[in-house]
Amino acid sequence: MDNQELNKTSLQEDQNTAEEAYSLNDDRRVKVLSPGALVAKRFFRNRLAVTGMVILIIMFLFSFVGGALTPYEEDQKFYTVKTQSKDYAGIIHNEEYRYTVGDPELFKSSVNAQVFRNILEGKNEFFYNDHNYTLKQMGEEVYSVSCEGKVVGIASKDLVNSSTEKPCSFEFTYEAFKARAEKKDKFIADNQEYLLDEGGIITGKDGEEVAYISAYIVRPVMADIHFTREFKDQLIDAVEADQKSIKYTDENGTEAEYILAYNAATNSWDVKQEIGTKVFDTYASPSKAHWLGTDRNGMDMMTRLMYGGRISLIIGFIVVFIEGVLGMFFGGISGYFGGWVDGLIMRIVDILYCIPSLPVIIILGAAMDAANLPSLTRIIYLMLILGFLGWPSVARMVRGQILSLREQEFMTATEACGIAVPRRIFKHLIPNVIPQLIVIMTMGLGSTIITEATLSFLGLGVRFPFASWGNIISDVNDTYVLTNYWFIWIPAGLLLLVTVLAFNIVGDGLRDAFDPKMKR
C-alpha cells in the first residue's frame, strides 16, 4: 500500500473518530442545563444570597424544630418562693384612761373629762348635769363610775380584750375587773361562769380562752385571722423587751418571721410578717434552666422566642400567599382582557390604595377588643386583613407583565390552536410571571413580618397567650425593663432584624438569578 492510500485511510479513521466523539449518545458531549437549573446555579454562586438562605433555614429550624424539642410549653409559667413583708398585726400599749360605757344616757362622752379630772384630783364624787357621780377604785388604775347607786361606766388603763369575734359586754368587763381586784379565780357574768388566772386570761368552763386583761391590744390586720394566746404573749414580750423581730411557728408547723416597728405618732407597734410566698418568677436572669431568663409572666424567654418566630413566619407566609393568589387572579384577568374589565379592576385597586391601612387596622383592632375575640381568632383576622390590603400591588405587577406578554408569538399560537381563555391565562401567561412574583413575594415576606411586629407591639396584633416577636418586644414600653432586662427585648429584636434582612437578601439573589441582566 503506497503512501497516498495510507494517508487516505488515516484521514478516514480520523473522520470516524471525530464523528464518534461528537455523537449525541456520547456522555462526553456538552450538557445543556434546564432554565430552573440555570437559575439555581446563578443563585448559589451568589454568596450573599446563600448566606441569607442559610440564615432563613436556621430561623425555621429554631422556630419549628426548636419549639417542638423544648421541654417547656409556650404559656408555661414558672414560680419561685420570695420572702415578702406584709402588714399582719398592730400592737397598742394603752397609757391613757379608756372608758367602758354601761349606760349611754348617764355616761356620755362629756362625762369622760369629768371622770378623768376627778381621778387626777383624787376626788371620789362629783356633780354633773344634775346627777351625782361616785368613783370607786377597783384596782390599780381601774375605777368604776356609779350614778345614783348604779354602775354606769368604767375608767381603766387596762382593757378586757375579747379573744373571739364576740365583743365583751359591760357586765362581763365589770365582773372581770372586780374579780381581779378581789383576787378571785372565777366570776359569773351574763349567766355564765368564767375562770380567771393570775395572768389575766379568762376562760370558759370548756377551757377555751374568751378574753384577757392587759394594757396591750393585739389586733390582726385581717378580720378573719385569729391569734393564739401564745402568739400574743410572744408579741407583747417582744415589745417589752424592745426586740425588733421574733420567729413563731404556728399550729400548722409553719415558721415565719415577724418584724416589729414602733410608730411614735400613734404610740403603737406595726407587725409585719416575713413569709415565703409563691409568686411568678418574673424577669429572672439567664440561667441553666432558662437560657434567656423569664419574662414578666414568669415564662421561659427562649421558648417564647421559638413559638414567637413560628407565629411571625406563619403569618408572613399566609399573608403573602393570600396577596399572591388574589394578585395573580385579578392581575391576570385585568391584563389579558383589557378594556372595561381592566378599567374596573384597576379602579378597585386605586380605591384600595387610597385606604389608609394603619387607621383601618386600629379600628378593626378596637372592634375585635370590644367583641372580646379569642387570641387565635384575632390572628386569623389579622392575616386576612393584611392579605386583603396587600394584594393590589401584586395585581398591578402581574397586569403589567401580562400586558407585555399577551402580544407575543406564543400567545398568538395558543389563540390559533383554540385553547380556552382560562387555560391561556393560567397555563401560559401566569407561569411566565412566576419568577418576578417569587422575587416580590420573597421580599414582601420581610415587610409583612415587620408590619405584624409593629401591630403586635402596639397591641393590635397577636395577643397573649400566643407569642410573636412583636409582642415580646412590647415589654420595652417600660423604661425600667428597657434599661435593666436586656434579655427580654434584645434577642427578639435581633431575630426580627436578621430574619427580615435574610428575606431581603434572598429576594435580591432570586432577582439576579432570574434576570442576570439586572445584576450590577
Protein backbone atom coordinates (compact mmCIF):
# COMPACT_ATOMS: atom_id res chain seq x y z
CA MET A 1 0.00 0.00 0.00
CA ASP A 2 1.55 3.27 -1.07
CA ASN A 3 1.71 6.48 0.94
CA GLN A 4 -1.30 8.02 -0.76
CA GLU A 5 -3.51 5.14 0.25
CA LEU A 6 -2.12 5.22 3.79
CA ASN A 7 -2.89 8.90 4.13
CA LYS A 8 -6.39 8.35 2.80
CA THR A 9 -7.00 5.54 5.26
CA SER A 10 -5.67 7.61 8.16
CA LEU A 11 -7.89 10.56 7.23
CA GLN A 12 -10.94 8.29 7.09
CA GLU A 13 -10.16 6.93 10.57
CA ASP A 14 -9.78 10.46 11.93
CA GLN A 15 -13.16 11.41 10.49
CA ASN A 16 -14.78 8.34 12.01
CA THR A 17 -13.17 9.14 15.37
CA ALA A 18 -14.43 12.75 15.27
CA GLU A 19 -17.92 11.64 14.35
CA GLU A 20 -17.85 9.18 17.22
CA ALA A 21 -16.63 11.87 19.68
CA TYR A 22 -19.48 14.20 18.83
CA SER A 23 -22.20 11.60 18.76
CA LEU A 24 -25.43 12.62 20.53
CA ASN A 25 -25.28 9.45 22.58
CA ASP A 26 -21.76 10.21 23.82
CA ASP A 27 -21.52 11.11 27.52
CA ARG A 28 -18.67 13.49 26.72
CA ARG A 29 -20.94 15.89 24.86
CA VAL A 30 -21.73 19.33 26.36
CA LYS A 31 -24.81 19.14 28.56
CA VAL A 32 -27.35 21.95 28.36
CA LEU A 33 -28.90 22.93 31.75
CA SER A 34 -32.61 23.49 32.17
CA PRO A 35 -33.86 27.02 32.95
CA GLY A 36 -34.53 26.04 36.55
CA ALA A 37 -31.05 24.58 36.92
CA LEU A 38 -29.51 27.72 35.45
CA VAL A 39 -31.43 29.89 37.93
CA ALA A 40 -30.31 27.66 40.82
CA LYS A 41 -26.71 27.72 39.59
CA ARG A 42 -26.68 31.52 39.36
CA PHE A 43 -28.35 31.79 42.77
CA PHE A 44 -25.87 29.54 44.56
CA ARG A 45 -22.96 31.44 43.01
CA ASN A 46 -24.17 34.48 44.93
CA ARG A 47 -22.51 34.02 48.31
CA LEU A 48 -24.57 36.75 49.96
CA ALA A 49 -27.83 35.15 48.81
CA VAL A 50 -26.65 31.74 50.03
CA THR A 51 -25.82 33.32 53.40
CA GLY A 52 -29.35 34.70 53.59
CA MET A 53 -30.77 31.29 52.73
CA VAL A 54 -28.72 29.65 55.47
CA ILE A 55 -29.96 32.23 57.98
CA LEU A 56 -33.56 31.54 56.99
CA ILE A 57 -33.04 27.79 57.35
CA ILE A 58 -31.61 28.37 60.82
CA MET A 59 -34.59 30.57 61.72
CA PHE A 60 -37.03 27.89 60.54
CA LEU A 61 -35.20 25.20 62.49
CA PHE A 62 -35.09 27.42 65.57
CA SER A 63 -38.80 28.24 65.40
CA PHE A 64 -40.37 24.97 64.30
CA VAL A 65 -37.92 22.24 65.32
CA GLY A 66 -36.76 24.09 68.44
CA GLY A 67 -40.34 24.73 69.51
CA ALA A 68 -41.05 21.00 69.20
CA LEU A 69 -37.94 19.98 71.16
CA THR A 70 -38.10 22.48 74.02
CA PRO A 71 -39.24 20.89 77.31
CA TYR A 72 -41.46 23.87 78.11
CA GLU A 73 -44.86 24.92 76.81
CA GLU A 74 -45.49 28.26 75.13
CA ASP A 75 -47.59 29.59 78.02
CA GLN A 76 -45.99 27.58 80.84
CA LYS A 77 -45.43 29.78 83.89
CA PHE A 78 -42.65 29.30 86.40
CA TYR A 79 -42.82 30.18 90.06
CA THR A 80 -40.38 31.00 92.80
CA VAL A 81 -40.63 31.48 96.55
CA LYS A 82 -39.85 35.01 97.64
CA THR A 83 -39.85 36.47 101.11
CA GLN A 84 -42.43 39.21 101.29
CA SER A 85 -43.23 41.63 104.09
CA LYS A 86 -46.94 42.02 104.77
CA ASP A 87 -48.82 44.04 107.36
CA TYR A 88 -50.01 41.44 109.81
CA ALA A 89 -51.00 43.00 113.12
CA GLY A 90 -50.92 46.09 115.28
CA ILE A 91 -49.99 46.38 118.97
CA ILE A 92 -51.18 49.27 121.09
CA HIS A 93 -49.92 49.94 124.61
CA ASN A 94 -52.64 51.82 126.42
CA GLU A 95 -51.23 54.57 128.66
CA GLU A 96 -54.37 56.65 128.99
CA TYR A 97 -57.70 56.02 130.63
CA ARG A 98 -60.23 54.37 128.42
CA TYR A 99 -63.89 54.23 129.19
CA THR A 100 -66.31 51.35 129.02
CA VAL A 101 -69.91 52.52 128.85
CA GLY A 102 -72.64 50.72 130.78
CA ASP A 103 -75.45 53.28 130.48
CA PRO A 104 -75.19 55.58 127.44
CA GLU A 105 -77.67 58.07 128.87
CA LEU A 106 -75.81 58.61 132.16
CA PHE A 107 -72.27 58.03 130.93
CA LYS A 108 -71.98 60.23 127.86
CA SER A 109 -68.71 61.28 126.31
CA SER A 110 -68.86 64.61 128.13
CA VAL A 111 -68.70 62.74 131.43
CA ASN A 112 -65.31 61.25 130.49
CA ALA A 113 -63.48 64.54 131.03
CA GLN A 114 -65.11 64.97 134.44
CA VAL A 115 -64.10 61.45 135.47
CA PHE A 116 -60.51 61.99 134.36
CA ARG A 117 -60.24 65.33 136.19
CA ASN A 118 -61.58 63.90 139.44
CA ILE A 119 -59.23 60.91 139.22
CA LEU A 120 -56.28 63.27 138.90
CA GLU A 121 -57.53 65.40 141.80
CA GLY A 122 -58.14 62.30 143.92
CA LYS A 123 -61.84 63.02 144.42
CA ASN A 124 -64.41 60.25 144.78
CA GLU A 125 -67.53 62.27 143.95
CA PHE A 126 -68.62 64.99 141.52
CA PHE A 127 -71.83 66.62 140.39
CA TYR A 128 -72.53 66.99 136.67
CA ASN A 129 -75.70 67.61 134.65
CA ASP A 130 -77.96 67.34 137.71
CA HIS A 131 -76.51 63.94 138.61
CA ASN A 132 -74.22 62.80 141.40
CA TYR A 133 -71.41 60.53 140.27
CA THR A 134 -69.26 58.32 142.52
CA LEU A 135 -65.80 56.98 141.70
CA LYS A 136 -64.62 53.72 143.25
CA GLN A 137 -61.14 52.31 142.71
CA MET A 138 -61.39 48.64 141.80
CA GLY A 139 -57.71 48.04 141.33
CA GLU A 140 -54.53 49.65 140.07
CA GLU A 141 -55.69 52.39 137.66
CA VAL A 142 -59.18 50.87 137.39
CA TYR A 143 -62.24 52.86 138.56
CA SER A 144 -65.93 52.16 138.44
CA VAL A 145 -68.29 55.12 137.85
CA SER A 146 -71.67 54.99 139.58
CA CYS A 147 -74.63 57.31 139.33
CA GLU A 148 -77.31 57.19 142.00
CA GLY A 149 -76.19 53.75 143.14
CA LYS A 150 -75.93 52.24 139.62
CA VAL A 151 -72.62 51.41 137.91
CA VAL A 152 -72.76 53.27 134.59
CA GLY A 153 -69.16 53.04 133.37
CA ILE A 154 -65.57 52.00 133.94
CA ALA A 155 -62.38 54.05 133.58
CA SER A 156 -59.20 51.97 133.26
CA LYS A 157 -55.82 51.79 131.64
CA ASP A 158 -56.06 48.03 131.41
CA LEU A 159 -58.59 46.63 128.98
CA VAL A 160 -60.65 43.48 128.80
CA ASN A 161 -59.95 42.28 125.24
CA SER A 162 -62.14 39.67 123.63
CA SER A 163 -60.32 36.63 122.21
CA THR A 164 -63.29 35.80 119.99
CA GLU A 165 -65.31 37.66 117.39
CA LYS A 166 -67.98 38.40 120.02
CA PRO A 167 -67.27 41.66 121.90
CA CYS A 168 -67.23 41.70 125.71
CA SER A 169 -70.36 43.01 127.40
CA PHE A 170 -70.24 45.68 130.06
CA GLU A 171 -71.27 43.22 132.75
CA PHE A 172 -68.51 40.83 131.68
CA THR A 173 -65.90 43.63 131.79
CA TYR A 174 -67.05 44.88 135.17
CA GLU A 175 -67.10 41.43 136.78
CA ALA A 176 -63.68 40.61 135.33
CA PHE A 177 -62.10 43.74 136.81
CA LYS A 178 -63.90 43.12 140.09
CA ALA A 179 -62.67 39.52 140.27
CA ARG A 180 -59.10 40.55 139.57
CA ALA A 181 -59.26 43.31 142.20
CA GLU A 182 -60.59 40.84 144.76
CA LYS A 183 -58.08 38.22 143.59
CA LYS A 184 -60.75 35.68 142.74
CA ASP A 185 -60.17 32.91 140.25
CA LYS A 186 -63.75 32.83 138.93
CA PHE A 187 -66.69 35.10 138.37
CA ILE A 188 -70.20 35.00 136.93
CA ALA A 189 -71.32 37.29 134.11
CA ASP A 190 -74.12 37.05 131.58
CA ASN A 191 -75.42 33.99 133.47
CA GLN A 192 -72.22 32.05 132.85
CA GLU A 193 -69.24 31.17 134.98
CA TYR A 194 -65.74 32.08 133.88
CA LEU A 195 -62.27 31.30 135.20
CA LEU A 196 -59.60 33.97 135.69
CA ASP A 197 -55.92 33.13 136.11
CA GLU A 198 -53.14 35.28 137.53
CA GLY A 199 -52.04 36.41 134.07
CA GLY A 200 -55.44 37.91 133.35
CA ILE A 201 -56.56 35.12 131.00
CA ILE A 202 -60.31 34.45 131.12
CA THR A 203 -61.59 31.06 130.04
CA GLY A 204 -64.95 29.36 129.94
CA LYS A 205 -65.91 26.08 131.56
CA ASP A 206 -64.67 24.21 128.48
CA GLY A 207 -61.20 25.69 128.94
CA GLU A 208 -61.36 27.87 125.78
CA GLU A 209 -59.99 31.38 126.12
CA VAL A 210 -62.69 34.04 125.74
CA ALA A 211 -60.86 37.20 126.84
CA TYR A 212 -57.79 38.59 128.58
CA ILE A 213 -56.99 41.61 130.73
CA SER A 214 -53.99 43.62 129.57
CA ALA A 215 -52.80 47.13 128.81
CA TYR A 216 -51.76 45.83 125.38
CA ILE A 217 -54.18 45.46 122.47
CA VAL A 218 -53.07 42.99 119.79
CA ARG A 219 -55.27 43.16 116.70
CA PRO A 220 -54.80 41.40 113.35
CA VAL A 221 -54.96 43.40 110.14
CA MET A 222 -57.30 40.87 108.56
CA ALA A 223 -60.56 40.24 110.37
CA ASP A 224 -60.55 36.51 109.54
CA ILE A 225 -57.23 35.89 111.32
CA HIS A 226 -57.29 34.60 114.89
CA PHE A 227 -54.24 34.90 117.13
CA THR A 228 -53.45 32.28 119.74
CA ARG A 229 -52.64 33.26 123.32
CA GLU A 230 -49.08 32.03 122.89
CA PHE A 231 -48.52 34.24 119.86
CA LYS A 232 -49.97 37.30 121.56
CA ASP A 233 -47.77 36.75 124.63
CA GLN A 234 -44.68 36.46 122.42
CA LEU A 235 -45.51 39.72 120.68
CA ILE A 236 -46.13 41.52 123.99
CA ASP A 237 -42.90 40.11 125.46
CA ALA A 238 -41.01 41.26 122.37
CA VAL A 239 -42.45 44.79 122.71
CA GLU A 240 -41.50 44.98 126.40
CA ALA A 241 -38.01 43.65 125.63
CA ASP A 242 -37.66 46.15 122.75
CA GLN A 243 -36.99 43.36 120.23
CA LYS A 244 -37.07 44.12 116.53
CA SER A 245 -38.29 40.72 115.38
CA ILE A 246 -39.43 37.31 116.55
CA LYS A 247 -39.88 33.90 114.97
CA TYR A 248 -43.00 31.93 115.61
CA THR A 249 -44.21 28.51 114.48
CA ASP A 250 -47.99 28.21 114.27
CA GLU A 251 -50.11 25.17 114.99
CA ASN A 252 -49.68 24.01 111.38
CA GLY A 253 -45.91 23.87 111.75
CA THR A 254 -45.29 26.91 109.52
CA GLU A 255 -42.47 29.11 110.76
CA ALA A 256 -42.46 32.78 109.91
CA GLU A 257 -40.53 35.84 111.00
CA TYR A 258 -42.33 38.90 112.33
CA ILE A 259 -40.81 42.38 112.22
CA LEU A 260 -41.85 44.90 114.88
CA ALA A 261 -41.62 48.61 114.09
CA TYR A 262 -42.56 51.32 116.61
CA ASN A 263 -44.82 54.11 115.39
CA ALA A 264 -44.27 57.15 117.60
CA ALA A 265 -47.18 59.08 116.12
CA THR A 266 -49.76 56.55 117.34
CA ASN A 267 -47.72 55.06 120.20
CA SER A 268 -48.17 51.63 118.66
CA TRP A 269 -46.17 48.88 117.01
CA ASP A 270 -46.70 47.66 113.45
CA VAL A 271 -46.13 43.95 112.99
CA LYS A 272 -45.10 42.76 109.53
CA GLN A 273 -44.96 39.12 108.59
CA GLU A 274 -41.90 37.93 106.66
CA ILE A 275 -43.15 34.86 104.88
CA GLY A 276 -42.16 32.92 101.79
CA THR A 277 -44.79 33.41 99.10
CA LYS A 278 -45.08 31.52 95.82
CA VAL A 279 -45.01 34.13 93.06
CA PHE A 280 -44.28 34.29 89.32
CA ASP A 281 -40.57 34.05 88.59
CA THR A 282 -40.65 37.32 86.68
CA TYR A 283 -37.62 38.76 84.87
CA ALA A 284 -35.32 36.02 86.15
CA SER A 285 -31.79 36.36 84.83
CA PRO A 286 -30.44 33.85 82.29
CA SER A 287 -29.56 30.56 83.94
CA LYS A 288 -29.03 26.89 83.18
CA ALA A 289 -32.77 26.23 83.41
CA HIS A 290 -33.73 29.33 81.42
CA TRP A 291 -31.03 30.26 78.93
CA LEU A 292 -32.55 33.66 78.22
CA GLY A 293 -34.31 34.17 81.54
CA THR A 294 -38.04 34.67 82.02
CA ASP A 295 -40.47 37.43 81.05
CA ARG A 296 -42.91 39.44 83.18
CA ASN A 297 -45.33 36.49 83.30
CA GLY A 298 -42.68 34.05 84.50
CA MET A 299 -42.44 32.28 81.11
CA ASP A 300 -39.26 30.94 79.56
CA MET A 301 -37.94 33.52 77.09
CA MET A 302 -36.18 31.02 74.82
CA THR A 303 -39.40 29.04 74.39
CA ARG A 304 -41.40 32.22 73.78
CA LEU A 305 -38.91 33.26 71.10
CA MET A 306 -39.25 29.89 69.37
CA TYR A 307 -43.03 29.99 69.35
CA GLY A 308 -42.96 33.70 68.52
CA GLY A 309 -40.83 33.02 65.45
CA ARG A 310 -43.27 30.31 64.43
CA ILE A 311 -46.23 32.72 64.63
CA SER A 312 -44.38 35.54 62.84
CA LEU A 313 -43.22 33.29 59.98
CA ILE A 314 -46.61 31.61 59.58
CA ILE A 315 -48.38 34.97 59.45
CA GLY A 316 -45.85 36.25 56.93
CA PHE A 317 -46.21 33.28 54.58
CA ILE A 318 -50.01 33.11 54.77
CA VAL A 319 -50.38 36.85 54.19
CA VAL A 320 -48.02 36.70 51.19
CA PHE A 321 -49.88 33.64 49.86
CA ILE A 322 -53.20 35.50 50.08
CA GLU A 323 -51.67 38.51 48.34
CA GLY A 324 -50.18 36.32 45.63
CA VAL A 325 -53.36 34.37 44.88
CA LEU A 326 -55.59 37.46 44.76
CA GLY A 327 -52.98 39.45 42.85
CA MET A 328 -52.45 36.74 40.21
CA PHE A 329 -56.19 36.21 39.76
CA PHE A 330 -57.24 39.83 39.36
CA GLY A 331 -54.00 40.95 37.69
CA GLY A 332 -54.18 38.09 35.18
CA ILE A 333 -57.77 38.83 34.25
CA SER A 334 -57.13 42.58 34.04
CA GLY A 335 -54.01 42.26 31.90
CA TYR A 336 -55.41 39.70 29.47
CA PHE A 337 -58.86 41.11 28.76
CA GLY A 338 -58.06 44.85 28.99
CA GLY A 339 -60.86 47.22 28.12
CA TRP A 340 -63.61 47.82 30.62
CA VAL A 341 -62.54 44.78 32.67
CA ASP A 342 -59.07 46.24 33.09
CA GLY A 343 -60.52 49.65 33.91
CA LEU A 344 -62.89 48.25 36.54
CA ILE A 345 -60.26 46.15 38.32
CA MET A 346 -57.69 48.95 38.24
CA ARG A 347 -60.19 51.39 39.71
CA ILE A 348 -60.83 48.92 42.54
CA VAL A 349 -57.06 48.71 43.03
CA ASP A 350 -56.85 52.53 43.12
CA ILE A 351 -59.58 52.66 45.77
CA LEU A 352 -57.78 50.11 47.93
CA TYR A 353 -54.56 52.10 47.54
CA CYS A 354 -56.39 55.16 48.90
CA ILE A 355 -57.47 53.35 52.09
CA PRO A 356 -55.09 54.22 54.99
CA SER A 357 -54.04 50.82 56.27
CA LEU A 358 -53.00 51.70 59.82
CA PRO A 359 -56.21 53.55 60.83
CA VAL A 360 -58.29 50.72 59.37
CA ILE A 361 -56.32 48.14 61.34
CA ILE A 362 -56.63 50.24 64.53
CA ILE A 363 -60.41 50.49 64.09
CA LEU A 364 -60.73 46.77 63.40
CA GLY A 365 -58.48 46.01 66.38
CA ALA A 366 -60.73 48.08 68.64
CA ALA A 367 -63.76 46.26 67.24
CA MET A 368 -62.15 42.89 67.98
CA ASP A 369 -61.36 44.07 71.51
CA ALA A 370 -64.98 45.09 72.01
CA ALA A 371 -66.12 41.70 70.70
CA ASN A 372 -63.64 40.01 73.07
CA LEU A 373 -62.47 37.65 70.35
CA PRO A 374 -60.16 34.75 71.25
CA SER A 375 -56.46 35.20 70.51
CA LEU A 376 -56.43 32.57 67.74
CA THR A 377 -59.40 34.23 66.00
CA ARG A 378 -57.59 37.57 66.15
CA ILE A 379 -54.58 36.04 64.40
CA ILE A 380 -56.79 34.67 61.60
CA TYR A 381 -58.49 38.04 61.13
CA LEU A 382 -55.12 39.79 61.17
CA MET A 383 -53.82 37.59 58.36
CA LEU A 384 -56.97 38.14 56.28
CA ILE A 385 -56.85 41.92 56.79
CA LEU A 386 -53.16 42.22 55.87
CA GLY A 387 -53.62 39.95 52.86
CA PHE A 388 -56.65 41.89 51.62
CA LEU A 389 -54.86 45.23 51.97
CA GLY A 390 -51.69 43.98 50.24
CA TRP A 391 -52.86 42.27 47.05
CA PRO A 392 -53.34 45.43 44.86
CA SER A 393 -49.57 45.91 44.42
CA VAL A 394 -49.18 42.29 43.28
CA ALA A 395 -52.13 42.69 40.89
CA ARG A 396 -50.52 45.73 39.27
CA MET A 397 -47.25 43.92 38.75
CA VAL A 398 -48.96 40.85 37.23
CA ARG A 399 -51.10 43.07 34.97
CA GLY A 400 -48.05 44.93 33.67
CA GLN A 401 -46.21 41.68 32.88
CA ILE A 402 -49.19 40.14 31.11
CA LEU A 403 -49.76 43.26 29.01
CA SER A 404 -46.27 42.77 27.57
CA LEU A 405 -46.62 39.01 27.14
CA ARG A 406 -50.06 38.67 25.58
CA GLU A 407 -48.96 40.15 22.22
CA GLN A 408 -46.04 37.75 21.76
CA GLU A 409 -45.99 34.90 19.24
CA PHE A 410 -46.61 32.05 21.66
CA MET A 411 -49.88 33.66 22.77
CA THR A 412 -50.92 34.08 19.16
CA ALA A 413 -50.21 30.38 18.72
CA THR A 414 -52.39 29.45 21.71
CA GLU A 415 -55.23 31.51 20.26
CA ALA A 416 -54.82 29.88 16.86
CA CYS A 417 -54.89 26.44 18.46
CA GLY A 418 -58.25 27.26 20.08
CA ILE A 419 -57.05 26.93 23.68
CA ALA A 420 -59.63 28.16 26.20
CA VAL A 421 -59.10 31.61 27.72
CA PRO A 422 -58.63 30.45 31.36
CA ARG A 423 -56.00 27.97 30.18
CA ARG A 424 -54.21 30.66 28.18
CA ILE A 425 -54.06 32.90 31.24
CA PHE A 426 -53.19 30.40 33.96
CA LYS A 427 -51.24 27.86 31.87
CA HIS A 428 -49.23 30.08 29.53
CA LEU A 429 -49.23 33.65 30.86
CA ILE A 430 -49.07 33.29 34.66
CA PRO A 431 -46.12 30.82 34.63
CA ASN A 432 -44.07 33.47 32.81
CA VAL A 433 -44.87 35.91 35.59
CA ILE A 434 -43.99 33.47 38.39
CA PRO A 435 -40.24 34.38 38.54
CA GLN A 436 -40.99 38.08 39.16
CA LEU A 437 -43.79 37.10 41.54
CA ILE A 438 -41.45 34.89 43.58
CA VAL A 439 -38.99 37.75 43.94
CA ILE A 440 -41.67 40.23 45.03
CA MET A 441 -43.27 37.78 47.47
CA THR A 442 -39.91 36.84 48.99
CA MET A 443 -39.03 40.47 49.60
CA GLY A 444 -42.59 41.13 50.76
CA LEU A 445 -42.22 38.49 53.49
CA GLY A 446 -39.81 40.72 55.36
CA SER A 447 -42.08 43.75 55.23
CA THR A 448 -45.09 41.64 56.30
CA ILE A 449 -43.21 40.34 59.34
CA ILE A 450 -42.21 43.91 60.21
CA THR A 451 -45.86 45.02 59.88
CA GLU A 452 -47.06 42.21 62.14
CA ALA A 453 -44.37 43.01 64.70
CA THR A 454 -45.34 46.69 64.68
CA LEU A 455 -49.02 45.92 65.17
CA SER A 456 -48.27 43.43 67.95
CA PHE A 457 -46.00 46.00 69.61
CA LEU A 458 -48.92 48.46 69.56
CA GLY A 459 -51.28 45.84 70.99
CA LEU A 460 -53.23 45.44 67.72
CA GLY A 461 -51.80 42.15 66.55
CA VAL A 462 -51.02 38.86 68.26
CA ARG A 463 -52.32 38.75 71.82
CA PHE A 464 -51.36 36.77 74.92
CA PRO A 465 -51.00 33.82 75.45
CA PHE A 466 -49.66 33.50 71.89
CA ALA A 467 -46.18 34.90 71.35
CA SER A 468 -44.75 36.80 68.43
CA TRP A 469 -41.51 38.70 68.16
CA GLY A 470 -43.54 41.91 68.09
CA ASN A 471 -45.47 41.44 71.33
CA ILE A 472 -42.31 40.15 73.04
CA ILE A 473 -40.57 43.43 72.22
CA SER A 474 -43.60 45.34 73.55
CA ASP A 475 -42.15 44.90 77.05
CA VAL A 476 -39.81 47.81 76.30
CA ASN A 477 -42.79 50.13 76.89
CA ASP A 478 -41.49 50.04 80.46
CA THR A 479 -38.32 52.13 80.75
CA TYR A 480 -37.14 50.07 83.71
CA VAL A 481 -37.34 46.87 81.66
CA LEU A 482 -35.59 48.58 78.75
CA THR A 483 -32.61 49.58 80.85
CA ASN A 484 -32.31 46.62 83.24
CA TYR A 485 -33.53 43.50 81.44
CA TRP A 486 -31.74 43.35 78.10
CA PHE A 487 -32.53 39.65 77.67
CA ILE A 488 -36.23 40.48 77.31
CA TRP A 489 -36.12 42.55 74.12
CA ILE A 490 -32.67 42.38 72.51
CA PRO A 491 -32.87 38.68 71.40
CA ALA A 492 -36.33 39.20 69.86
CA GLY A 493 -35.16 42.38 68.13
CA LEU A 494 -32.07 40.65 66.74
CA LEU A 495 -34.09 37.68 65.47
CA LEU A 496 -36.54 40.03 63.79
CA LEU A 497 -33.73 42.08 62.24
CA VAL A 498 -31.77 39.09 60.98
CA THR A 499 -34.85 37.32 59.55
CA VAL A 500 -36.13 40.36 57.64
CA LEU A 501 -32.64 41.11 56.37
CA ALA A 502 -32.23 37.49 55.22
CA PHE A 503 -35.53 37.61 53.31
CA ASN A 504 -34.42 40.80 51.53
CA ILE A 505 -31.04 39.31 50.67
CA VAL A 506 -32.63 36.14 49.31
CA GLY A 507 -35.10 38.26 47.31
CA ASP A 508 -32.21 40.20 45.75
CA GLY A 509 -30.43 36.94 44.96
CA LEU A 510 -33.51 35.48 43.28
CA ARG A 511 -33.99 38.64 41.25
CA ASP A 512 -30.42 38.46 39.96
CA ALA A 513 -30.73 34.72 39.30
CA PHE A 514 -33.96 35.03 37.29
CA ASP A 515 -32.73 38.05 35.33
CA PRO A 516 -28.90 38.19 35.12
CA LYS A 517 -29.09 41.45 33.13
CA MET A 518 -30.26 43.22 36.28
CA LYS A 519 -27.13 42.23 38.19
CA ARG A 520 -24.86 45.17 38.72
